[in-house]
Amino acid sequence: MALVKIGGTNVGDGAPCYVVGEIGINHNGDLDVCKRLVDVAAFSGCQAVKLQKRTVEIVYSAEELARPRESPFGSTNGDLKRGLEFGLGQYWDIHRYCRDKGIHWFASCWDEPSVDFIEQFNPPAYKIASACLTDHALLRHHRSMGRPLIVSTGMSTEAQVDKAIEVIGPENLVLLHTTSAYPAKLDDLNLQMIPKLKERYGVPVGYSGHEVGLATSVAAVALGACMIERHITLDRAMWGSDQAASVEPQGVMKLVRDIRAVERAMGDGVKKVSADEESVMKKLRRVA
């Protein structure tokens, strides 16, 4: 199985798990909050942060944007969606900030103009959200940029995943198993899909978790996930639809620590007597 290079970092079997702190919209439209989340990810040892870019008038209908919805930005859903979008100057600020912190950043783009917008920052990869898996025109537009694609497979059937890979091809591709509920129930996580996806498609497979807690995301690494993506937040009690399914700073540090511990513990699958066992064996074993 070929490795995928993201910003010069190998991703796939045999490489260290690539950990992504998904900022998404948890910045709440505040650039300072976004930078603090970058700090959390970088300090914890994540390799990347991921944002979300939408052209609001393309992704949502006029009726949906006019729908009443109270938020810090106003009284309509459109006020909310527009308030959560950063502009060009803010993205250049984020770009420079991540560069200075030595951490990759990329985005999930929900429409073609958003891909074109993010392209000017020379991203190391693009993330395709589960909701966009069946948008074949958008998939092709992403692929035309010639960059690695990270594709989430939530809320999708096997046939839909098959078709998406037929459209974009298996080259330079990382699939992410995920359950698109916020938060996702443990009974719905279906982590056994990780090795099954690897076997079916022959590409690196990771896991994007929306559950509460860390244990299942760490277990995904033991099952072969080469990438872990989790939403991160400064405080799960903050305003915002994704905050409750996110991981706070202490949790992000624990997540990366435990992933690295599992990687060290996996070994090579060859049965042998370890150096530390030698002295114990001599002391306790009566028959050689």
Protein backbone atom coordinates (compact mmCIF):
# COMPACT_ATOMS: atom_id res chain seq x y z
CA MET A 1 0.00 0.00 0.00
CA ALA A 2 1.57 3.28 -1.11
CA LEU A 3 2.20 6.06 1.38
CA VAL A 4 0.62 9.48 0.83
CA LYS A 5 2.77 12.55 1.42
CA ILE A 6 1.08 15.47 3.14
CA GLY A 7 3.35 18.49 3.39
CA GLY A 8 6.39 16.22 3.25
CA THR A 9 5.03 13.89 5.96
CA ASN A 10 4.36 10.25 5.10
CA VAL A 11 0.86 8.99 5.90
CA GLY A 12 -0.03 5.31 5.74
CA ASP A 13 1.01 1.90 7.02
CA GLY A 14 4.37 1.99 8.78
CA ALA A 15 4.35 5.76 9.27
CA PRO A 16 3.42 7.48 12.55
CA CYS A 17 -0.28 8.24 12.86
CA TYR A 18 -1.02 11.67 11.42
CA VAL A 19 -3.15 13.58 13.95
CA VAL A 20 -5.45 16.38 12.78
CA GLY A 21 -7.09 18.84 15.14
CA GLU A 22 -10.28 19.87 13.41
CA ILE A 23 -11.04 23.49 14.19
CA GLY A 24 -13.93 23.50 11.73
CA ILE A 25 -16.27 26.26 12.88
CA ASN A 26 -15.32 26.02 16.55
CA HIS A 27 -13.53 29.38 16.23
CA ASN A 28 -17.01 30.98 16.25
CA GLY A 29 -15.84 33.57 13.72
CA ASP A 30 -13.14 34.86 16.09
CA LEU A 31 -9.59 34.89 14.68
CA ASP A 32 -8.06 34.98 18.15
CA VAL A 33 -9.97 31.82 19.16
CA CYS A 34 -8.78 30.17 15.95
CA LYS A 35 -5.15 30.98 16.76
CA ARG A 36 -5.56 29.65 20.29
CA LEU A 37 -6.87 26.39 18.82
CA VAL A 38 -3.83 26.25 16.52
CA ASP A 39 -1.70 26.67 19.66
CA VAL A 40 -3.49 23.76 21.33
CA ALA A 41 -2.95 21.48 18.35
CA ALA A 42 0.69 22.42 17.85
CA PHE A 43 1.57 22.13 21.57
CA SER A 44 -0.16 18.74 21.79
CA GLY A 45 1.81 17.29 18.87
CA CYS A 46 -0.84 17.28 16.13
CA GLN A 47 0.56 17.42 12.62
CA ALA A 48 -2.24 19.58 11.21
CA VAL A 49 -5.33 21.64 11.85
CA LYS A 50 -8.33 21.65 9.56
CA LEU A 51 -10.76 24.47 8.88
CA GLN A 52 -13.96 24.65 6.83
CA LYS A 53 -14.65 26.90 3.83
CA ARG A 54 -18.04 27.53 2.28
CA THR A 55 -19.45 29.99 -0.22
CA VAL A 56 -22.65 30.51 1.73
CA GLU A 57 -24.85 31.56 -1.19
CA ILE A 58 -23.86 28.43 -3.14
CA VAL A 59 -24.10 25.85 -0.38
CA TYR A 60 -27.42 27.09 1.03
CA SER A 61 -30.66 28.10 -0.67
CA ALA A 62 -32.09 31.58 -0.21
CA GLU A 63 -34.95 30.04 1.80
CA GLU A 64 -32.51 28.26 4.13
CA LEU A 65 -30.48 31.42 4.66
CA ALA A 66 -33.64 33.39 5.49
CA ARG A 67 -34.80 30.83 8.04
CA PRO A 68 -35.10 32.33 11.57
CA ARG A 69 -32.23 31.24 13.80
CA GLU A 70 -30.89 33.16 16.76
CA SER A 71 -27.12 33.38 17.09
CA PRO A 72 -24.46 35.88 18.21
CA PHE A 73 -24.43 37.12 14.60
CA GLY A 74 -28.13 37.90 14.15
CA SER A 75 -31.60 36.40 13.84
CA THR A 76 -31.37 34.33 10.62
CA ASN A 77 -29.51 31.23 9.55
CA GLY A 78 -27.75 33.35 6.93
CA ASP A 79 -26.42 35.68 9.63
CA LEU A 80 -24.97 32.67 11.39
CA LYS A 81 -23.41 31.05 8.31
CA ARG A 82 -21.85 34.30 7.11
CA GLY A 83 -20.58 35.10 10.60
CA LEU A 84 -18.66 31.82 10.75
CA GLU A 85 -16.75 32.45 7.51
CA PHE A 86 -13.30 34.02 7.52
CA GLY A 87 -12.24 36.33 4.69
CA LEU A 88 -9.04 36.56 2.67
CA GLY A 89 -7.06 38.66 5.14
CA GLN A 90 -7.97 36.40 8.03
CA TYR A 91 -6.92 33.30 6.10
CA TRP A 92 -3.55 34.84 5.27
CA ASP A 93 -3.16 35.56 8.98
CA ILE A 94 -4.00 31.92 9.79
CA HIS A 95 -1.61 30.74 7.07
CA ARG A 96 1.30 32.73 8.50
CA TYR A 97 0.43 31.74 12.06
CA CYS A 98 0.42 28.01 11.25
CA ARG A 99 3.67 28.36 9.32
CA ASP A 100 5.31 30.03 12.32
CA LYS A 101 3.99 27.29 14.62
CA GLY A 102 5.31 24.56 12.30
CA ILE A 103 1.94 22.92 11.79
CA HIS A 104 0.13 22.06 8.54
CA TRP A 105 -3.30 23.49 7.82
CA PHE A 106 -5.90 22.67 5.21
CA ALA A 107 -9.65 22.93 4.79
CA SER A 108 -12.75 21.05 3.79
CA CYS A 109 -14.24 23.01 0.89
CA TRP A 110 -17.96 22.59 0.25
CA ASP A 111 -18.09 24.17 -3.22
CA GLU A 112 -15.84 24.82 -6.23
CA PRO A 113 -15.16 28.54 -5.54
CA SER A 114 -14.06 27.62 -2.02
CA VAL A 115 -11.53 25.16 -3.48
CA ASP A 116 -10.23 27.94 -5.74
CA PHE A 117 -10.03 30.27 -2.74
CA ILE A 118 -8.02 27.84 -0.60
CA GLU A 119 -5.75 26.88 -3.52
CA GLN A 120 -3.94 30.23 -3.31
CA PHE A 121 -2.50 29.14 0.05
CA ASN A 122 -0.79 26.09 -1.47
CA PRO A 123 -2.41 23.65 0.99
CA PRO A 124 -0.69 20.30 1.62
CA ALA A 125 -3.99 18.46 1.04
CA TYR A 126 -7.74 18.93 0.75
CA LYS A 127 -10.32 17.35 3.03
CA ILE A 128 -13.64 16.28 1.53
CA ALA A 129 -16.46 16.19 4.07
CA SER A 130 -18.81 13.23 4.27
CA ALA A 131 -21.68 15.43 3.14
CA CYS A 132 -19.81 16.13 -0.12
CA LEU A 133 -18.91 12.52 -0.97
CA THR A 134 -21.67 12.21 -3.59
CA ASP A 135 -20.96 15.61 -5.22
CA HIS A 136 -18.96 14.20 -8.11
CA ALA A 137 -18.38 17.57 -9.78
CA LEU A 138 -16.86 18.85 -6.55
CA LEU A 139 -14.74 15.70 -6.23
CA ARG A 140 -13.39 16.20 -9.75
CA HIS A 141 -12.63 19.86 -9.06
CA HIS A 142 -10.65 18.90 -5.97
CA ARG A 143 -8.75 16.26 -7.92
CA SER A 144 -7.89 18.75 -10.67
CA MET A 145 -5.71 20.63 -8.16
CA GLY A 146 -3.32 17.69 -8.05
CA ARG A 147 -3.08 17.57 -4.27
CA PRO A 148 -3.61 14.69 -1.82
CA LEU A 149 -7.27 14.14 -0.91
CA ILE A 150 -8.55 13.10 2.50
CA VAL A 151 -12.09 11.80 2.08
CA SER A 152 -14.52 11.11 4.91
CA THR A 153 -17.03 8.30 4.33
CA GLY A 154 -19.73 9.07 6.90
CA MET A 155 -23.46 8.88 6.04
CA SER A 156 -22.52 6.86 2.93
CA THR A 157 -23.16 3.39 1.54
CA GLU A 158 -20.47 1.11 0.18
CA ALA A 159 -21.77 1.76 -3.33
CA GLN A 160 -21.44 5.53 -2.83
CA VAL A 161 -17.86 5.16 -1.61
CA ASP A 162 -17.11 2.88 -4.59
CA LYS A 163 -18.43 5.55 -6.96
CA ALA A 164 -16.50 8.35 -5.28
CA ILE A 165 -13.24 6.43 -5.66
CA GLU A 166 -14.13 5.63 -9.26
CA VAL A 167 -14.50 9.38 -9.85
CA ILE A 168 -11.28 10.53 -8.17
CA GLY A 169 -9.13 7.40 -8.42
CA PRO A 170 -7.21 5.73 -5.58
CA GLU A 171 -3.94 7.63 -6.09
CA ASN A 172 -2.81 10.11 -3.45
CA LEU A 173 -5.90 9.32 -1.40
CA VAL A 174 -6.58 8.77 2.30
CA LEU A 175 -10.03 7.51 3.31
CA LEU A 176 -11.44 8.29 6.74
CA HIS A 177 -13.99 6.03 8.38
CA THR A 178 -16.48 8.13 10.34
CA THR A 179 -19.98 8.24 11.78
CA SER A 180 -21.59 11.57 10.97
CA ALA A 181 -23.51 12.26 14.16
CA TYR A 182 -22.57 14.96 16.66
CA PRO A 183 -21.86 13.40 19.08
CA ALA A 184 -21.85 9.86 17.68
CA LYS A 185 -23.08 6.97 19.83
CA LEU A 186 -20.54 4.29 20.72
CA ASP A 187 -22.80 1.60 19.30
CA ASP A 188 -22.72 3.36 15.92
CA LEU A 189 -18.95 3.81 15.54
CA ASN A 190 -18.36 0.46 13.75
CA LEU A 191 -14.56 0.63 14.04
CA GLN A 192 -14.25 -2.76 12.34
CA MET A 193 -14.77 -0.86 9.09
CA ILE A 194 -11.20 0.48 9.29
CA PRO A 195 -9.46 -2.78 8.28
CA LYS A 196 -12.31 -3.58 5.88
CA LEU A 197 -11.88 -0.28 4.04
CA LYS A 198 -8.14 -0.90 3.79
CA GLU A 199 -8.73 -4.35 2.33
CA ARG A 200 -11.43 -3.21 -0.12
CA TYR A 201 -9.74 -0.12 -1.54
CA GLY A 202 -6.02 -0.66 -0.94
CA VAL A 203 -5.45 2.91 0.24
CA PRO A 204 -4.42 4.36 3.62
CA VAL A 205 -7.40 4.56 5.97
CA GLY A 206 -7.83 6.76 9.00
CA TYR A 207 -10.61 7.67 11.41
CA SER A 208 -12.54 10.88 11.99
CA GLY A 209 -14.21 10.66 15.38
CA HIS A 210 -17.26 12.56 16.60
CA GLU A 211 -17.80 10.55 19.77
CA VAL A 212 -17.42 11.72 23.37
CA GLY A 213 -14.21 10.39 24.92
CA LEU A 214 -10.82 9.33 23.60
CA ALA A 215 -10.60 5.55 24.04
CA THR A 216 -12.33 4.64 20.80
CA SER A 217 -10.15 6.98 18.73
CA VAL A 218 -7.05 5.37 20.25
CA ALA A 219 -8.54 1.94 19.53
CA ALA A 220 -8.88 2.99 15.89
CA VAL A 221 -5.09 3.29 15.72
CA ALA A 222 -4.71 -0.27 17.02
CA LEU A 223 -7.07 -1.35 14.22
CA GLY A 224 -4.82 0.24 11.62
CA ALA A 225 -5.94 3.87 11.31
CA CYS A 226 -3.08 5.91 9.85
CA MET A 227 -4.77 9.26 10.57
CA ILE A 228 -6.93 10.46 13.44
CA GLU A 229 -9.06 13.57 13.12
CA ARG A 230 -10.94 15.00 16.10
CA HIS A 231 -12.78 18.27 16.57
CA ILE A 232 -10.95 20.45 19.10
CA THR A 233 -12.30 23.24 21.29
CA LEU A 234 -11.15 25.55 24.03
CA ASP A 235 -14.20 24.62 26.11
CA ARG A 236 -17.02 22.20 25.31
CA ALA A 237 -19.44 24.62 27.02
CA MET A 238 -18.74 27.35 24.44
CA TRP A 239 -21.50 28.43 22.09
CA GLY A 240 -21.56 26.43 18.85
CA SER A 241 -23.11 23.32 17.30
CA ASP A 242 -19.88 21.25 17.21
CA GLN A 243 -18.45 22.09 20.63
CA ALA A 244 -20.12 19.23 22.53
CA ALA A 245 -18.55 16.60 20.24
CA SER A 246 -15.09 18.19 20.52
CA VAL A 247 -11.99 17.58 22.62
CA GLU A 248 -10.68 20.17 25.06
CA PRO A 249 -6.95 21.07 25.33
CA GLN A 250 -6.10 18.53 28.05
CA GLY A 251 -7.90 15.87 26.05
CA VAL A 252 -5.99 16.70 22.87
CA MET A 253 -2.70 16.22 24.71
CA LYS A 254 -3.91 12.91 26.14
CA LEU A 255 -5.12 11.76 22.74
CA VAL A 256 -1.75 12.31 21.05
CA ARG A 257 0.09 10.81 24.03
CA ASP A 258 -2.03 7.67 23.98
CA ILE A 259 -1.78 7.29 20.20
CA ARG A 260 2.01 7.36 20.45
CA ALA A 261 1.90 4.86 23.33
CA VAL A 262 -0.23 2.44 21.28
CA GLU A 263 2.14 2.78 18.31
CA ARG A 264 5.11 1.85 20.50
CA ALA A 265 3.22 -1.08 21.99
CA MET A 266 2.09 -2.62 18.69
CA GLY A 267 5.48 -4.21 17.97
CA ASP A 268 6.26 -6.31 14.92
CA GLY A 269 4.08 -9.37 15.56
CA VAL A 270 7.09 -11.70 15.98
CA LYS A 271 7.02 -13.82 19.16
CA LYS A 272 10.28 -13.49 21.05
CA VAL A 273 11.70 -13.11 24.56
CA SER A 274 12.37 -9.45 25.35
CA ALA A 275 15.56 -8.31 27.01
CA ASP A 276 13.68 -7.42 30.19
CA GLU A 277 12.13 -10.89 30.28
CA GLU A 278 15.52 -12.66 30.32
CA SER A 279 16.29 -12.02 33.98
CA VAL A 280 12.71 -12.83 35.03
CA MET A 281 12.85 -16.08 33.06
CA LYS A 282 16.07 -17.11 34.76
CA LYS A 283 14.57 -16.42 38.16
CA LEU A 284 11.13 -18.00 37.75
CA ARG A 285 11.29 -20.72 35.09
CA ARG A 286 12.14 -24.15 36.56
CA VAL A 287 12.28 -26.07 33.28
CA ALA A 288 14.00 -24.62 30.23
